[in-house]
Amino acid sequence: MSVAQQEETLSAEMPDGTWRVDTNQSELTFRSRGVFGLLPVRGIFTRYEGQLEVAGRDIRGELRIQATSLDTKHKKRDHHLRSADFFHVIEYPIVTFSLIELVPTGDGGFHLTGTLEIRENRLRLETPVRATRLGADRLRLETRVSVDRAAAGIGWSKMGMIQGKAHLGASLVLVRT
């Protein structure tokens, strides 16, 4: 049976257990607009770890992202994004997402509420999540969310060159431990 045939959308509740993020099968992406809002800037974070603990409706989770691991395939831009103008990785090396609530929506998805901490700023995020069972002990959670860069403390923009929100994407494969 192929992987596609084994996938099953979760529609009721998350399965109980302690789940860790399989970083070899997961992806964290970001995109924004640069150069006066005309050119897209896309990138990934390559180093992160996370865990989800599920006991019935009691769900806790955290994702810790190494801010230094951002990669846009442009060394000079990556160096600037790591500087005090943006992520300020020397003082704030970790970006943290903490789960507050993950509630089934009844339509094959979930509604996620959590806190994203970038630098000293904490942003409340709410977004739909698609959850898929990949096997007895594997899940995939997928979501996309937009973040106000200025509220996150990464709103630097010389003469309006960088505009709009940052769009974050997560496709996380979780393995039951």
C-alpha atoms as a PDB file:
ATOM      1  CA  MET A   1       0.000   0.000   0.000  1.00  0.00           C
ATOM      2  CA  SER A   2       1.402   3.424  -0.903  1.00  0.00           C
ATOM      3  CA  VAL A   3       1.895   6.259   1.598  1.00  0.00           C
ATOM      4  CA  ALA A   4      -0.907   8.230  -0.069  1.00  0.00           C
ATOM      5  CA  GLN A   5      -3.294   5.298   0.476  1.00  0.00           C
ATOM      6  CA  GLN A   6      -2.287   5.027   4.154  1.00  0.00           C
ATOM      7  CA  GLU A   7      -3.000   8.690   4.920  1.00  0.00           C
ATOM      8  CA  GLU A   8      -6.187   9.375   6.834  1.00  0.00           C
ATOM      9  CA  THR A   9      -7.482  12.816   7.783  1.00  0.00           C
ATOM     10  CA  LEU A  10      -8.143  13.118  11.512  1.00  0.00           C
ATOM     11  CA  SER A  11     -11.600  14.477  12.182  1.00  0.00           C
ATOM     12  CA  ALA A  12     -12.325  14.043  15.873  1.00  0.00           C
ATOM     13  CA  GLU A  13      -9.418  14.250  18.315  1.00  0.00           C
ATOM     14  CA  MET A  14      -5.674  13.960  18.335  1.00  0.00           C
ATOM     15  CA  PRO A  15      -4.479  10.477  19.366  1.00  0.00           C
ATOM     16  CA  ASP A  16      -3.117  10.252  22.908  1.00  0.00           C
ATOM     17  CA  GLY A  17       0.603  10.066  23.471  1.00  0.00           C
ATOM     18  CA  THR A  18       3.826  11.996  23.426  1.00  0.00           C
ATOM     19  CA  TRP A  19       4.795  13.020  19.920  1.00  0.00           C
ATOM     20  CA  ARG A  20       8.091  14.511  18.723  1.00  0.00           C
ATOM     21  CA  VAL A  21       8.715  16.395  15.492  1.00  0.00           C
ATOM     22  CA  ASP A  22      10.610  14.343  12.898  1.00  0.00           C
ATOM     23  CA  THR A  23      12.751  17.135  11.433  1.00  0.00           C
ATOM     24  CA  ASN A  24      13.878  14.914   8.541  1.00  0.00           C
ATOM     25  CA  GLN A  25      10.296  14.737   7.278  1.00  0.00           C
ATOM     26  CA  SER A  26       9.085  18.207   8.312  1.00  0.00           C
ATOM     27  CA  GLU A  27       9.403  21.695   6.863  1.00  0.00           C
ATOM     28  CA  LEU A  28       9.161  25.231   8.273  1.00  0.00           C
ATOM     29  CA  THR A  29       8.938  27.946   5.635  1.00  0.00           C
ATOM     30  CA  PHE A  30       8.539  31.707   5.482  1.00  0.00           C
ATOM     31  CA  ARG A  31       7.929  34.238   2.764  1.00  0.00           C
ATOM     32  CA  SER A  32       7.647  37.980   2.638  1.00  0.00           C
ATOM     33  CA  ARG A  33       7.871  40.798   0.128  1.00  0.00           C
ATOM     34  CA  GLY A  34      11.113  42.694  -0.366  1.00  0.00           C
ATOM     35  CA  VAL A  35      12.438  45.387  -2.725  1.00  0.00           C
ATOM     36  CA  PHE A  36       9.490  47.788  -2.378  1.00  0.00           C
ATOM     37  CA  GLY A  37       7.034  44.902  -2.172  1.00  0.00           C
ATOM     38  CA  LEU A  38       7.781  43.619  -5.674  1.00  0.00           C
ATOM     39  CA  LEU A  39      10.023  40.598  -5.155  1.00  0.00           C
ATOM     40  CA  PRO A  40       9.170  37.657  -2.929  1.00  0.00           C
ATOM     41  CA  VAL A  41      11.664  36.498  -0.329  1.00  0.00           C
ATOM     42  CA  ARG A  42      11.316  32.815   0.507  1.00  0.00           C
ATOM     43  CA  GLY A  43      13.183  30.735   2.994  1.00  0.00           C
ATOM     44  CA  ILE A  44      13.233  27.851   5.424  1.00  0.00           C
ATOM     45  CA  PHE A  45      14.379  27.162   8.952  1.00  0.00           C
ATOM     46  CA  THR A  46      16.616  24.106   8.984  1.00  0.00           C
ATOM     47  CA  ARG A  47      17.063  23.448  12.729  1.00  0.00           C
ATOM     48  CA  TYR A  48      14.175  23.071  15.159  1.00  0.00           C
ATOM     49  CA  GLU A  49      12.682  20.637  17.628  1.00  0.00           C
ATOM     50  CA  GLY A  50       9.222  20.142  18.974  1.00  0.00           C
ATOM     51  CA  GLN A  51       6.968  17.972  21.035  1.00  0.00           C
ATOM     52  CA  LEU A  52       3.231  17.485  21.444  1.00  0.00           C
ATOM     53  CA  GLU A  53       1.679  15.805  24.478  1.00  0.00           C
ATOM     54  CA  VAL A  54      -1.896  14.600  24.142  1.00  0.00           C
ATOM     55  CA  ALA A  55      -4.030  13.151  26.954  1.00  0.00           C
ATOM     56  CA  GLY A  56      -7.644  13.340  25.837  1.00  0.00           C
ATOM     57  CA  ARG A  57      -8.527  16.999  25.374  1.00  0.00           C
ATOM     58  CA  ASP A  58      -5.470  18.105  27.368  1.00  0.00           C
ATOM     59  CA  ILE A  59      -2.945  19.037  24.678  1.00  0.00           C
ATOM     60  CA  ARG A  60       0.378  20.794  25.213  1.00  0.00           C
ATOM     61  CA  GLY A  61       3.084  21.463  22.719  1.00  0.00           C
ATOM     62  CA  GLU A  62       6.096  23.571  21.901  1.00  0.00           C
ATOM     63  CA  LEU A  63       8.230  24.162  18.830  1.00  0.00           C
ATOM     64  CA  ARG A  64      11.702  25.689  19.309  1.00  0.00           C
ATOM     65  CA  ILE A  65      13.335  27.099  16.177  1.00  0.00           C
ATOM     66  CA  GLN A  66      17.004  28.032  15.907  1.00  0.00           C
ATOM     67  CA  ALA A  67      16.799  31.535  14.415  1.00  0.00           C
ATOM     68  CA  THR A  68      20.350  31.178  13.072  1.00  0.00           C
ATOM     69  CA  SER A  69      19.160  28.351  10.821  1.00  0.00           C
ATOM     70  CA  LEU A  70      17.140  30.586   8.502  1.00  0.00           C
ATOM     71  CA  ASP A  71      18.122  30.073   4.875  1.00  0.00           C
ATOM     72  CA  THR A  72      16.965  32.130   1.878  1.00  0.00           C
ATOM     73  CA  LYS A  73      19.771  30.873  -0.408  1.00  0.00           C
ATOM     74  CA  HIS A  74      21.333  34.370  -0.330  1.00  0.00           C
ATOM     75  CA  LYS A  75      24.223  34.697   2.162  1.00  0.00           C
ATOM     76  CA  LYS A  76      24.225  38.496   2.425  1.00  0.00           C
ATOM     77  CA  ARG A  77      20.450  38.636   2.979  1.00  0.00           C
ATOM     78  CA  ASP A  78      20.625  35.779   5.526  1.00  0.00           C
ATOM     79  CA  HIS A  79      23.350  37.625   7.425  1.00  0.00           C
ATOM     80  CA  HIS A  80      21.158  40.757   7.522  1.00  0.00           C
ATOM     81  CA  LEU A  81      18.081  38.791   8.613  1.00  0.00           C
ATOM     82  CA  ARG A  82      20.113  37.387  11.535  1.00  0.00           C
ATOM     83  CA  SER A  83      21.244  40.903  12.550  1.00  0.00           C
ATOM     84  CA  ALA A  84      19.677  43.229  15.148  1.00  0.00           C
ATOM     85  CA  ASP A  85      17.546  44.744  12.338  1.00  0.00           C
ATOM     86  CA  PHE A  86      15.494  41.533  12.228  1.00  0.00           C
ATOM     87  CA  PHE A  87      15.886  38.378  14.352  1.00  0.00           C
ATOM     88  CA  HIS A  88      18.870  39.601  16.407  1.00  0.00           C
ATOM     89  CA  VAL A  89      20.067  36.010  16.810  1.00  0.00           C
ATOM     90  CA  ILE A  90      22.945  36.868  19.134  1.00  0.00           C
ATOM     91  CA  GLU A  91      20.548  38.031  21.826  1.00  0.00           C
ATOM     92  CA  TYR A  92      17.493  35.958  20.798  1.00  0.00           C
ATOM     93  CA  PRO A  93      18.733  32.683  19.271  1.00  0.00           C
ATOM     94  CA  ILE A  94      15.418  30.818  19.677  1.00  0.00           C
ATOM     95  CA  VAL A  95      11.987  31.502  18.181  1.00  0.00           C
ATOM     96  CA  THR A  96       9.367  29.618  20.192  1.00  0.00           C
ATOM     97  CA  PHE A  97       5.817  28.587  19.391  1.00  0.00           C
ATOM     98  CA  SER A  98       3.783  27.416  22.404  1.00  0.00           C
ATOM     99  CA  LEU A  99       0.470  25.672  21.852  1.00  0.00           C
ATOM    100  CA  ILE A 100      -2.465  26.975  23.877  1.00  0.00           C
ATOM    101  CA  GLU A 101      -5.297  24.981  22.308  1.00  0.00           C
ATOM    102  CA  LEU A 102      -5.967  22.557  19.447  1.00  0.00           C
ATOM    103  CA  VAL A 103      -9.685  22.015  18.940  1.00  0.00           C
ATOM    104  CA  PRO A 104     -11.387  19.751  16.351  1.00  0.00           C
ATOM    105  CA  THR A 105     -13.571  21.765  13.966  1.00  0.00           C
ATOM    106  CA  GLY A 106     -15.750  18.869  12.782  1.00  0.00           C
ATOM    107  CA  ASP A 107     -14.834  19.386   9.127  1.00  0.00           C
ATOM    108  CA  GLY A 108     -11.724  17.231   9.115  1.00  0.00           C
ATOM    109  CA  GLY A 109      -9.520  19.884  10.647  1.00  0.00           C
ATOM    110  CA  PHE A 110      -8.527  21.623  13.836  1.00  0.00           C
ATOM    111  CA  HIS A 111      -8.347  25.194  15.095  1.00  0.00           C
ATOM    112  CA  LEU A 112      -4.978  26.024  16.632  1.00  0.00           C
ATOM    113  CA  THR A 113      -4.352  28.815  19.134  1.00  0.00           C
ATOM    114  CA  GLY A 114      -0.852  29.539  20.346  1.00  0.00           C
ATOM    115  CA  THR A 115       1.822  32.067  21.140  1.00  0.00           C
ATOM    116  CA  LEU A 116       4.755  32.865  18.873  1.00  0.00           C
ATOM    117  CA  GLU A 117       7.697  34.451  20.678  1.00  0.00           C
ATOM    118  CA  ILE A 118      10.185  36.336  18.507  1.00  0.00           C
ATOM    119  CA  ARG A 119      12.756  38.475  20.265  1.00  0.00           C
ATOM    120  CA  GLU A 120      10.856  39.941  23.269  1.00  0.00           C
ATOM    121  CA  ASN A 121       7.545  39.951  21.431  1.00  0.00           C
ATOM    122  CA  ARG A 122       4.728  37.490  21.985  1.00  0.00           C
ATOM    123  CA  LEU A 123       2.077  37.193  19.316  1.00  0.00           C
ATOM    124  CA  ARG A 124      -1.148  35.265  19.671  1.00  0.00           C
ATOM    125  CA  LEU A 125      -1.774  33.146  16.591  1.00  0.00           C
ATOM    126  CA  GLU A 126      -4.976  31.456  15.525  1.00  0.00           C
ATOM    127  CA  THR A 127      -5.104  29.330  12.405  1.00  0.00           C
ATOM    128  CA  PRO A 128      -6.745  26.258  10.895  1.00  0.00           C
ATOM    129  CA  VAL A 129      -4.678  23.058  10.913  1.00  0.00           C
ATOM    130  CA  ARG A 130      -5.013  19.987   8.756  1.00  0.00           C
ATOM    131  CA  ALA A 131      -4.071  16.799  10.622  1.00  0.00           C
ATOM    132  CA  THR A 132      -3.359  13.564   8.813  1.00  0.00           C
ATOM    133  CA  ARG A 133      -2.583  10.137  10.248  1.00  0.00           C
ATOM    134  CA  LEU A 134       0.350   8.620   8.336  1.00  0.00           C
ATOM    135  CA  GLY A 135       0.299   5.338  10.245  1.00  0.00           C
ATOM    136  CA  ALA A 136      -0.308   4.096  13.776  1.00  0.00           C
ATOM    137  CA  ASP A 137       2.499   6.203  15.236  1.00  0.00           C
ATOM    138  CA  ARG A 138       2.926   9.047  12.703  1.00  0.00           C
ATOM    139  CA  LEU A 139       0.920  12.231  12.112  1.00  0.00           C
ATOM    140  CA  ARG A 140       1.304  15.257   9.868  1.00  0.00           C
ATOM    141  CA  LEU A 141       0.103  18.716  10.947  1.00  0.00           C
ATOM    142  CA  GLU A 142      -0.044  21.407   8.256  1.00  0.00           C
ATOM    143  CA  THR A 143      -0.863  25.089   8.557  1.00  0.00           C
ATOM    144  CA  ARG A 144      -0.175  28.532   7.122  1.00  0.00           C
ATOM    145  CA  VAL A 145      -0.414  31.787   9.063  1.00  0.00           C
ATOM    146  CA  SER A 146       0.391  35.452   8.435  1.00  0.00           C
ATOM    147  CA  VAL A 147       2.301  37.484  11.016  1.00  0.00           C
ATOM    148  CA  ASP A 148       2.614  41.250  11.375  1.00  0.00           C
ATOM    149  CA  ARG A 149       6.378  41.724  11.093  1.00  0.00           C
ATOM    150  CA  ALA A 150       6.383  44.978  13.060  1.00  0.00           C
ATOM    151  CA  ALA A 151       4.473  43.395  15.964  1.00  0.00           C
ATOM    152  CA  ALA A 152       7.002  40.541  15.916  1.00  0.00           C
ATOM    153  CA  GLY A 153       9.885  42.997  16.215  1.00  0.00           C
ATOM    154  CA  ILE A 154      11.238  42.256  12.747  1.00  0.00           C
ATOM    155  CA  GLY A 155       9.708  45.227  10.965  1.00  0.00           C
ATOM    156  CA  TRP A 156      12.910  46.987   9.867  1.00  0.00           C
ATOM    157  CA  SER A 157      12.507  48.480   6.393  1.00  0.00           C
ATOM    158  CA  LYS A 158      14.944  50.930   4.847  1.00  0.00           C
ATOM    159  CA  MET A 159      12.897  53.384   2.768  1.00  0.00           C
ATOM    160  CA  GLY A 160       9.929  51.002   2.564  1.00  0.00           C
ATOM    161  CA  MET A 161      11.868  48.265   0.789  1.00  0.00           C
ATOM    162  CA  ILE A 162      10.284  45.459   2.816  1.00  0.00           C
ATOM    163  CA  GLN A 163       6.525  45.525   3.042  1.00  0.00           C
ATOM    164  CA  GLY A 164       3.584  43.587   4.348  1.00  0.00           C
ATOM    165  CA  LYS A 165       3.253  40.582   6.547  1.00  0.00           C
ATOM    166  CA  ALA A 166       5.428  37.529   6.817  1.00  0.00           C
ATOM    167  CA  HIS A 167       3.730  34.275   5.894  1.00  0.00           C
ATOM    168  CA  LEU A 168       4.758  31.195   7.841  1.00  0.00           C
ATOM    169  CA  GLY A 169       4.132  27.613   6.808  1.00  0.00           C
ATOM    170  CA  ALA A 170       4.550  24.414   8.750  1.00  0.00           C
ATOM    171  CA  SER A 171       4.316  20.819   7.604  1.00  0.00           C
ATOM    172  CA  LEU A 172       5.302  18.861  10.702  1.00  0.00           C
ATOM    173  CA  VAL A 173       5.524  15.073  10.818  1.00  0.00           C
ATOM    174  CA  LEU A 174       5.115  13.832  14.375  1.00  0.00           C
ATOM    175  CA  VAL A 175       6.267  10.438  15.645  1.00  0.00           C
ATOM    176  CA  ARG A 176       4.851   8.869  18.806  1.00  0.00           C
ATOM    177  CA  THR A 177       7.630   8.245  21.319  1.00  0.00           C
END
